[in-house]
N, C-alpha and C. Protein backbone atom coordinates (compact mmCIF):
# COMPACT_ATOMS: atom_id res chain seq x y z
N MET A 1 0.85 -1.18 0.00
CA MET A 1 0.00 0.00 0.00
C MET A 1 0.89 1.24 0.00
N GLN A 2 0.77 2.01 -1.05
CA GLN A 2 1.54 3.25 -1.16
C GLN A 2 0.76 4.45 -0.66
N HIS A 3 -0.56 4.38 -0.77
CA HIS A 3 -1.39 5.52 -0.40
C HIS A 3 -2.65 5.04 0.32
N LEU A 4 -3.02 5.74 1.36
CA LEU A 4 -4.23 5.44 2.11
C LEU A 4 -5.14 6.67 2.11
N THR A 5 -6.38 6.46 1.73
CA THR A 5 -7.38 7.51 1.83
C THR A 5 -8.15 7.27 3.12
N ILE A 6 -8.27 8.30 3.93
CA ILE A 6 -8.98 8.21 5.20
C ILE A 6 -10.19 9.12 5.15
N VAL A 7 -11.36 8.55 5.40
CA VAL A 7 -12.61 9.31 5.44
C VAL A 7 -13.07 9.33 6.89
N THR A 8 -13.26 10.51 7.43
CA THR A 8 -13.67 10.62 8.83
C THR A 8 -15.11 11.09 8.92
N THR A 9 -15.84 10.49 9.88
CA THR A 9 -17.26 10.81 10.02
C THR A 9 -17.62 11.25 11.43
N GLY A 10 -16.64 11.31 12.32
CA GLY A 10 -16.92 11.69 13.71
C GLY A 10 -16.85 10.48 14.61
N GLY A 11 -17.73 10.42 15.58
CA GLY A 11 -17.74 9.31 16.52
C GLY A 11 -16.86 9.59 17.72
N THR A 12 -16.86 8.65 18.63
CA THR A 12 -16.12 8.80 19.89
C THR A 12 -14.64 9.04 19.68
N ILE A 13 -14.06 8.45 18.64
CA ILE A 13 -12.62 8.59 18.39
C ILE A 13 -12.20 10.07 18.35
N ASP A 14 -13.08 10.95 17.89
CA ASP A 14 -12.75 12.37 17.76
C ASP A 14 -13.42 13.26 18.80
N LYS A 15 -14.01 12.66 19.84
CA LYS A 15 -14.70 13.47 20.84
C LYS A 15 -13.73 14.21 21.75
N ILE A 16 -14.19 15.38 22.18
CA ILE A 16 -13.47 16.24 23.11
C ILE A 16 -14.39 16.48 24.30
N TYR A 17 -13.83 16.42 25.49
CA TYR A 17 -14.64 16.68 26.68
C TYR A 17 -14.44 18.12 27.11
N PHE A 18 -15.54 18.83 27.33
CA PHE A 18 -15.49 20.21 27.78
C PHE A 18 -15.94 20.26 29.25
N ASP A 19 -15.00 20.48 30.15
CA ASP A 19 -15.32 20.52 31.58
C ASP A 19 -16.36 21.59 31.92
N ASP A 20 -16.19 22.77 31.35
CA ASP A 20 -17.11 23.87 31.67
C ASP A 20 -18.56 23.53 31.32
N LYS A 21 -18.73 22.75 30.27
CA LYS A 21 -20.07 22.39 29.83
C LYS A 21 -20.49 21.01 30.32
N SER A 22 -19.53 20.23 30.85
CA SER A 22 -19.76 18.84 31.26
C SER A 22 -20.39 18.04 30.13
N GLU A 23 -19.83 18.20 28.94
CA GLU A 23 -20.35 17.47 27.79
C GLU A 23 -19.23 17.16 26.80
N TYR A 24 -19.53 16.21 25.93
CA TYR A 24 -18.63 15.86 24.84
C TYR A 24 -19.10 16.51 23.56
N GLN A 25 -18.16 16.90 22.73
CA GLN A 25 -18.45 17.36 21.38
C GLN A 25 -17.44 16.70 20.46
N ILE A 26 -17.80 16.55 19.22
CA ILE A 26 -16.88 15.94 18.27
C ILE A 26 -15.98 17.02 17.70
N GLY A 27 -14.68 16.81 17.82
CA GLY A 27 -13.70 17.78 17.36
C GLY A 27 -13.12 17.38 16.01
N ALA A 28 -11.97 17.97 15.71
CA ALA A 28 -11.28 17.69 14.45
C ALA A 28 -10.79 16.24 14.43
N PRO A 29 -10.66 15.64 13.24
CA PRO A 29 -10.17 14.27 13.15
C PRO A 29 -8.78 14.11 13.76
N GLN A 30 -8.59 13.05 14.52
CA GLN A 30 -7.32 12.79 15.20
C GLN A 30 -6.40 11.87 14.42
N ILE A 31 -6.93 11.14 13.47
CA ILE A 31 -6.18 10.06 12.84
C ILE A 31 -4.92 10.54 12.10
N GLY A 32 -4.97 11.68 11.44
CA GLY A 32 -3.78 12.19 10.75
C GLY A 32 -2.64 12.43 11.71
N ASP A 33 -2.93 13.07 12.84
CA ASP A 33 -1.90 13.31 13.86
C ASP A 33 -1.36 11.99 14.41
N ILE A 34 -2.25 11.04 14.64
CA ILE A 34 -1.83 9.74 15.17
C ILE A 34 -0.88 9.05 14.20
N LEU A 35 -1.22 9.01 12.92
CA LEU A 35 -0.36 8.35 11.93
C LEU A 35 0.97 9.07 11.77
N GLU A 36 0.96 10.40 11.83
CA GLU A 36 2.22 11.15 11.75
C GLU A 36 3.11 10.87 12.95
N GLN A 37 2.52 10.87 14.16
CA GLN A 37 3.30 10.59 15.37
C GLN A 37 3.90 9.20 15.36
N LEU A 38 3.21 8.25 14.75
CA LEU A 38 3.68 6.87 14.72
C LEU A 38 4.61 6.60 13.55
N GLY A 39 4.85 7.60 12.70
CA GLY A 39 5.79 7.45 11.59
C GLY A 39 5.29 6.56 10.48
N ALA A 40 4.04 6.69 10.11
CA ALA A 40 3.47 5.87 9.03
C ALA A 40 4.35 5.95 7.79
N ALA A 41 4.65 4.79 7.19
CA ALA A 41 5.55 4.71 6.04
C ALA A 41 4.78 4.65 4.73
N PHE A 42 3.70 5.40 4.65
CA PHE A 42 2.90 5.48 3.43
C PHE A 42 2.28 6.87 3.38
N ALA A 43 1.92 7.28 2.18
CA ALA A 43 1.24 8.56 2.03
C ALA A 43 -0.23 8.39 2.40
N PHE A 44 -0.82 9.44 2.94
CA PHE A 44 -2.25 9.38 3.26
C PHE A 44 -2.86 10.77 3.16
N ASP A 45 -4.15 10.79 2.91
CA ASP A 45 -4.88 12.04 3.00
C ASP A 45 -6.12 11.78 3.83
N VAL A 46 -6.55 12.82 4.52
CA VAL A 46 -7.71 12.74 5.40
C VAL A 46 -8.82 13.59 4.81
N ILE A 47 -9.98 12.96 4.62
CA ILE A 47 -11.14 13.64 4.08
C ILE A 47 -12.22 13.66 5.16
N PRO A 48 -12.33 14.78 5.89
CA PRO A 48 -13.37 14.86 6.93
C PRO A 48 -14.71 15.25 6.29
N ILE A 49 -15.69 14.34 6.35
CA ILE A 49 -16.97 14.67 5.72
C ILE A 49 -18.10 14.87 6.73
N LEU A 50 -17.97 14.30 7.92
CA LEU A 50 -18.99 14.49 8.96
C LEU A 50 -18.30 14.65 10.31
N ARG A 51 -18.99 15.27 11.24
CA ARG A 51 -18.58 15.33 12.64
C ARG A 51 -19.81 14.99 13.47
N LYS A 52 -20.21 13.72 13.40
CA LYS A 52 -21.44 13.30 14.06
C LYS A 52 -21.19 12.08 14.95
N ASP A 53 -21.96 12.00 16.01
CA ASP A 53 -22.08 10.76 16.74
C ASP A 53 -22.79 9.80 15.79
N SER A 54 -22.40 8.54 15.76
CA SER A 54 -22.99 7.64 14.77
C SER A 54 -24.49 7.42 14.98
N LEU A 55 -24.98 7.65 16.17
CA LEU A 55 -26.42 7.54 16.39
C LEU A 55 -27.20 8.59 15.61
N HIS A 56 -26.51 9.65 15.18
CA HIS A 56 -27.15 10.73 14.43
C HIS A 56 -26.89 10.65 12.93
N ILE A 57 -26.18 9.63 12.47
CA ILE A 57 -25.92 9.47 11.04
C ILE A 57 -27.19 8.97 10.36
N THR A 58 -27.57 9.66 9.30
CA THR A 58 -28.80 9.35 8.58
C THR A 58 -28.51 8.52 7.33
N ASP A 59 -29.55 8.07 6.66
CA ASP A 59 -29.39 7.37 5.38
C ASP A 59 -28.74 8.29 4.36
N ASP A 60 -29.09 9.57 4.37
CA ASP A 60 -28.45 10.53 3.46
C ASP A 60 -26.96 10.66 3.75
N ASP A 61 -26.58 10.65 5.05
CA ASP A 61 -25.17 10.70 5.42
C ASP A 61 -24.44 9.45 4.92
N ARG A 62 -25.09 8.30 5.07
CA ARG A 62 -24.47 7.05 4.60
C ARG A 62 -24.25 7.08 3.09
N GLU A 63 -25.19 7.65 2.37
CA GLU A 63 -25.04 7.79 0.93
C GLU A 63 -23.89 8.74 0.61
N LEU A 64 -23.74 9.82 1.36
CA LEU A 64 -22.61 10.74 1.18
C LEU A 64 -21.28 10.01 1.42
N ILE A 65 -21.20 9.21 2.47
CA ILE A 65 -19.99 8.43 2.76
C ILE A 65 -19.70 7.49 1.60
N ARG A 66 -20.73 6.76 1.14
CA ARG A 66 -20.56 5.80 0.04
C ARG A 66 -20.08 6.51 -1.23
N ARG A 67 -20.72 7.60 -1.57
CA ARG A 67 -20.38 8.35 -2.78
C ARG A 67 -18.95 8.91 -2.68
N THR A 68 -18.59 9.45 -1.53
CA THR A 68 -17.25 10.01 -1.34
C THR A 68 -16.18 8.93 -1.55
N ILE A 69 -16.39 7.76 -0.96
CA ILE A 69 -15.41 6.67 -1.09
C ILE A 69 -15.35 6.18 -2.53
N ALA A 70 -16.49 6.01 -3.16
CA ALA A 70 -16.52 5.51 -4.54
C ALA A 70 -15.77 6.44 -5.49
N GLN A 71 -15.73 7.74 -5.21
CA GLN A 71 -15.08 8.71 -6.08
C GLN A 71 -13.57 8.79 -5.88
N GLN A 72 -13.04 8.15 -4.85
CA GLN A 72 -11.61 8.26 -4.57
C GLN A 72 -10.80 7.42 -5.55
N PRO A 73 -9.65 7.93 -5.97
CA PRO A 73 -8.84 7.20 -6.96
C PRO A 73 -8.04 6.03 -6.36
N HIS A 74 -7.84 6.04 -5.06
CA HIS A 74 -7.00 5.01 -4.45
C HIS A 74 -7.83 3.83 -3.96
N ARG A 75 -7.21 2.66 -3.95
CA ARG A 75 -7.89 1.40 -3.61
C ARG A 75 -8.12 1.23 -2.12
N HIS A 76 -7.20 1.70 -1.29
CA HIS A 76 -7.26 1.47 0.16
C HIS A 76 -7.91 2.64 0.88
N VAL A 77 -9.00 2.34 1.61
CA VAL A 77 -9.76 3.39 2.29
C VAL A 77 -10.01 2.97 3.73
N LEU A 78 -9.66 3.85 4.65
CA LEU A 78 -9.96 3.64 6.07
C LEU A 78 -11.02 4.66 6.45
N VAL A 79 -12.06 4.19 7.14
CA VAL A 79 -13.15 5.07 7.56
C VAL A 79 -13.19 5.08 9.08
N THR A 80 -13.09 6.27 9.69
CA THR A 80 -13.33 6.36 11.12
C THR A 80 -14.79 6.71 11.32
N HIS A 81 -15.41 6.02 12.28
CA HIS A 81 -16.86 6.08 12.41
C HIS A 81 -17.22 5.75 13.85
N GLY A 82 -18.29 6.29 14.34
CA GLY A 82 -18.79 5.91 15.65
C GLY A 82 -19.18 4.44 15.66
N THR A 83 -19.05 3.81 16.82
CA THR A 83 -19.23 2.37 16.88
C THR A 83 -20.69 1.92 16.92
N ASP A 84 -21.60 2.77 17.37
CA ASP A 84 -22.99 2.33 17.53
C ASP A 84 -23.67 1.94 16.23
N THR A 85 -23.37 2.63 15.14
CA THR A 85 -24.01 2.29 13.86
C THR A 85 -22.99 1.99 12.76
N MET A 86 -21.79 1.63 13.16
CA MET A 86 -20.73 1.29 12.20
C MET A 86 -21.16 0.14 11.29
N VAL A 87 -21.79 -0.86 11.84
CA VAL A 87 -22.21 -2.03 11.06
C VAL A 87 -23.19 -1.60 9.96
N GLU A 88 -24.14 -0.75 10.29
CA GLU A 88 -25.13 -0.31 9.31
C GLU A 88 -24.47 0.44 8.15
N THR A 89 -23.52 1.31 8.47
CA THR A 89 -22.82 2.04 7.41
C THR A 89 -21.97 1.09 6.58
N ALA A 90 -21.30 0.15 7.22
CA ALA A 90 -20.47 -0.82 6.49
C ALA A 90 -21.30 -1.59 5.47
N GLN A 91 -22.50 -1.94 5.84
CA GLN A 91 -23.36 -2.69 4.92
C GLN A 91 -23.74 -1.86 3.70
N VAL A 92 -23.90 -0.55 3.86
CA VAL A 92 -24.17 0.33 2.72
C VAL A 92 -22.95 0.41 1.81
N LEU A 93 -21.77 0.39 2.38
CA LEU A 93 -20.53 0.52 1.60
C LEU A 93 -20.21 -0.74 0.80
N MET A 94 -20.87 -1.84 1.09
CA MET A 94 -20.58 -3.10 0.40
C MET A 94 -20.91 -3.06 -1.09
N THR A 95 -21.59 -2.02 -1.55
CA THR A 95 -21.91 -1.89 -2.97
C THR A 95 -20.75 -1.28 -3.76
N ILE A 96 -19.69 -0.84 -3.10
CA ILE A 96 -18.56 -0.20 -3.78
C ILE A 96 -17.60 -1.29 -4.27
N PRO A 97 -17.35 -1.34 -5.57
CA PRO A 97 -16.43 -2.36 -6.10
C PRO A 97 -14.97 -1.91 -6.06
N ASP A 98 -14.07 -2.87 -6.14
CA ASP A 98 -12.64 -2.64 -6.39
C ASP A 98 -11.92 -1.79 -5.36
N LYS A 99 -12.35 -1.87 -4.11
CA LYS A 99 -11.66 -1.16 -3.03
C LYS A 99 -11.59 -2.06 -1.80
N VAL A 100 -10.56 -1.84 -1.01
CA VAL A 100 -10.48 -2.44 0.32
C VAL A 100 -10.86 -1.32 1.28
N ILE A 101 -11.96 -1.52 2.01
CA ILE A 101 -12.47 -0.50 2.92
C ILE A 101 -12.50 -1.11 4.31
N VAL A 102 -11.80 -0.48 5.24
CA VAL A 102 -11.83 -0.93 6.63
C VAL A 102 -12.34 0.21 7.48
N MET A 103 -13.34 -0.11 8.29
CA MET A 103 -13.92 0.87 9.20
C MET A 103 -13.39 0.60 10.60
N THR A 104 -13.11 1.67 11.32
CA THR A 104 -12.69 1.55 12.71
C THR A 104 -13.16 2.77 13.49
N GLY A 105 -13.01 2.69 14.77
CA GLY A 105 -13.39 3.78 15.66
C GLY A 105 -12.76 3.54 17.01
N ALA A 106 -13.38 4.05 18.03
CA ALA A 106 -12.86 3.88 19.38
C ALA A 106 -14.00 3.88 20.38
N LEU A 107 -13.79 3.17 21.44
CA LEU A 107 -14.78 3.14 22.52
C LEU A 107 -14.50 4.24 23.53
N ASN A 108 -13.30 4.84 23.44
CA ASN A 108 -12.91 5.99 24.26
C ASN A 108 -12.23 7.01 23.35
N PRO A 109 -12.42 8.30 23.57
CA PRO A 109 -11.82 9.31 22.70
C PRO A 109 -10.30 9.15 22.56
N ALA A 110 -9.78 9.41 21.36
CA ALA A 110 -8.35 9.28 21.09
C ALA A 110 -7.52 10.17 22.00
N ARG A 111 -8.07 11.29 22.45
CA ARG A 111 -7.33 12.22 23.31
C ARG A 111 -7.17 11.69 24.74
N PHE A 112 -7.89 10.63 25.10
CA PHE A 112 -7.87 10.11 26.47
C PHE A 112 -6.74 9.09 26.66
N GLN A 113 -6.11 9.15 27.82
CA GLN A 113 -5.13 8.14 28.19
C GLN A 113 -5.81 6.78 28.21
N GLY A 114 -5.18 5.79 27.62
CA GLY A 114 -5.74 4.45 27.63
C GLY A 114 -6.80 4.21 26.57
N SER A 115 -6.98 5.14 25.63
CA SER A 115 -7.95 4.96 24.56
C SER A 115 -7.54 3.78 23.68
N ASP A 116 -8.51 3.10 23.14
CA ASP A 116 -8.26 2.02 22.20
C ASP A 116 -8.06 2.54 20.77
N ALA A 117 -8.07 3.84 20.56
CA ALA A 117 -8.00 4.42 19.21
C ALA A 117 -6.75 4.00 18.46
N VAL A 118 -5.58 4.15 19.06
CA VAL A 118 -4.33 3.83 18.36
C VAL A 118 -4.28 2.35 18.02
N PHE A 119 -4.68 1.49 18.94
CA PHE A 119 -4.72 0.04 18.70
C PHE A 119 -5.64 -0.28 17.53
N ASN A 120 -6.83 0.30 17.52
CA ASN A 120 -7.79 0.02 16.44
C ASN A 120 -7.31 0.56 15.10
N ILE A 121 -6.69 1.73 15.09
CA ILE A 121 -6.16 2.29 13.85
C ILE A 121 -5.05 1.40 13.31
N GLY A 122 -4.15 0.97 14.18
CA GLY A 122 -3.06 0.08 13.75
C GLY A 122 -3.58 -1.22 13.18
N CYS A 123 -4.56 -1.79 13.83
CA CYS A 123 -5.18 -3.02 13.35
C CYS A 123 -5.82 -2.79 11.98
N ALA A 124 -6.49 -1.67 11.82
CA ALA A 124 -7.15 -1.36 10.55
C ALA A 124 -6.14 -1.17 9.42
N VAL A 125 -5.04 -0.48 9.70
CA VAL A 125 -4.01 -0.26 8.67
C VAL A 125 -3.39 -1.59 8.26
N GLY A 126 -3.11 -2.46 9.21
CA GLY A 126 -2.58 -3.78 8.87
C GLY A 126 -3.57 -4.58 8.04
N ALA A 127 -4.84 -4.54 8.43
CA ALA A 127 -5.88 -5.27 7.71
C ALA A 127 -6.00 -4.77 6.27
N LEU A 128 -5.94 -3.46 6.08
CA LEU A 128 -6.06 -2.89 4.74
C LEU A 128 -5.03 -3.47 3.78
N GLN A 129 -3.85 -3.77 4.29
CA GLN A 129 -2.77 -4.24 3.45
C GLN A 129 -2.83 -5.75 3.19
N ALA A 130 -3.62 -6.46 3.98
CA ALA A 130 -3.65 -7.91 3.86
C ALA A 130 -4.94 -8.46 3.24
N LEU A 131 -5.98 -7.65 3.18
CA LEU A 131 -7.29 -8.13 2.77
C LEU A 131 -7.56 -7.91 1.29
N ASP A 132 -8.45 -8.72 0.76
CA ASP A 132 -8.94 -8.54 -0.61
C ASP A 132 -9.98 -7.44 -0.63
N ASN A 133 -10.38 -7.03 -1.81
CA ASN A 133 -11.42 -6.02 -1.95
C ASN A 133 -12.64 -6.42 -1.13
N GLY A 134 -13.27 -5.43 -0.51
CA GLY A 134 -14.45 -5.66 0.30
C GLY A 134 -14.50 -4.65 1.42
N VAL A 135 -15.47 -4.84 2.31
CA VAL A 135 -15.67 -3.93 3.45
C VAL A 135 -15.52 -4.75 4.73
N TYR A 136 -14.77 -4.19 5.68
CA TYR A 136 -14.46 -4.87 6.93
C TYR A 136 -14.55 -3.89 8.09
N ILE A 137 -14.68 -4.43 9.29
CA ILE A 137 -14.65 -3.65 10.52
C ILE A 137 -13.49 -4.15 11.36
N ALA A 138 -12.63 -3.23 11.78
CA ALA A 138 -11.49 -3.58 12.64
C ALA A 138 -11.71 -2.93 14.00
N MET A 139 -12.02 -3.76 14.98
CA MET A 139 -12.26 -3.29 16.35
C MET A 139 -11.81 -4.37 17.33
N ASN A 140 -11.31 -3.95 18.46
CA ASN A 140 -10.98 -4.85 19.56
C ASN A 140 -9.97 -5.93 19.15
N GLY A 141 -9.05 -5.58 18.24
CA GLY A 141 -8.02 -6.53 17.84
C GLY A 141 -8.48 -7.59 16.87
N ARG A 142 -9.66 -7.44 16.33
CA ARG A 142 -10.21 -8.41 15.38
C ARG A 142 -10.66 -7.69 14.12
N VAL A 143 -10.73 -8.44 13.03
CA VAL A 143 -11.25 -7.92 11.78
C VAL A 143 -12.52 -8.71 11.47
N TRP A 144 -13.59 -7.97 11.25
CA TRP A 144 -14.91 -8.58 11.14
C TRP A 144 -15.53 -8.34 9.77
N ASP A 145 -16.34 -9.28 9.33
CA ASP A 145 -17.23 -9.12 8.19
C ASP A 145 -18.47 -8.40 8.73
N PRO A 146 -18.87 -7.28 8.15
CA PRO A 146 -20.01 -6.54 8.70
C PRO A 146 -21.34 -7.30 8.66
N ARG A 147 -21.38 -8.40 7.90
CA ARG A 147 -22.61 -9.20 7.86
C ARG A 147 -22.72 -10.17 9.03
N THR A 148 -21.61 -10.33 9.78
CA THR A 148 -21.60 -11.35 10.84
C THR A 148 -21.14 -10.82 12.18
N VAL A 149 -21.22 -9.50 12.38
CA VAL A 149 -20.76 -8.90 13.63
C VAL A 149 -21.83 -7.94 14.17
N LYS A 150 -21.79 -7.75 15.46
CA LYS A 150 -22.66 -6.76 16.11
C LYS A 150 -21.88 -6.13 17.25
N LYS A 151 -22.33 -4.95 17.65
CA LYS A 151 -21.75 -4.33 18.83
C LYS A 151 -22.56 -4.78 20.04
N ASN A 152 -21.86 -5.33 21.02
CA ASN A 152 -22.47 -5.69 22.29
C ASN A 152 -22.30 -4.46 23.18
N ARG A 153 -23.35 -3.68 23.31
CA ARG A 153 -23.27 -2.42 24.07
C ARG A 153 -23.03 -2.67 25.55
N ALA A 154 -23.59 -3.73 26.09
CA ALA A 154 -23.40 -4.03 27.52
C ALA A 154 -21.94 -4.34 27.83
N ALA A 155 -21.29 -5.10 26.94
CA ALA A 155 -19.88 -5.46 27.14
C ALA A 155 -18.94 -4.45 26.52
N ASN A 156 -19.48 -3.50 25.73
CA ASN A 156 -18.70 -2.46 25.06
C ASN A 156 -17.61 -3.04 24.17
N ARG A 157 -18.04 -3.98 23.30
CA ARG A 157 -17.11 -4.58 22.34
C ARG A 157 -17.90 -5.18 21.18
N PHE A 158 -17.17 -5.49 20.10
CA PHE A 158 -17.77 -6.14 18.96
C PHE A 158 -17.62 -7.64 19.11
N GLU A 159 -18.63 -8.38 18.61
CA GLU A 159 -18.57 -9.83 18.70
C GLU A 159 -19.40 -10.44 17.58
N ALA A 160 -19.16 -11.72 17.32
CA ALA A 160 -19.90 -12.43 16.28
C ALA A 160 -21.36 -12.54 16.61
N MET A 161 -22.20 -12.50 15.58
CA MET A 161 -23.65 -12.67 15.80
C MET A 161 -23.96 -14.15 16.02
């Protein structure tokens, strides 16, 4: 993989906590900074198209994500996305031919100590280089087919259906 296209949609991975307001808001994408700090040995570009919690992503938003990815010239695409509706978006993306698309996110904001963001991003980047064309979810150290995975909200992890 010489080039990675990254499409960001928001989600917990990019959340910022505001003490004064006692609330979270979705900030700028963190993935570019993370890859630069880790010394990624490939070129990448970051395309921020949404800053939403995945519970607020609509069918129109999913179509925007699908259309944006389909228009990209590069084969390898990583999508950062909130975990609650990641599976639903992944299933919409399955109509895109000739690309390897891996979706990932975080259960804790990337800015937080002990966040799973860096682990999930690393897993996703490795998966992108090893997988055939298709759509996958990389979370919790595993790579999943979006047709056979669900988020277990009680356990706060992804698991087989």
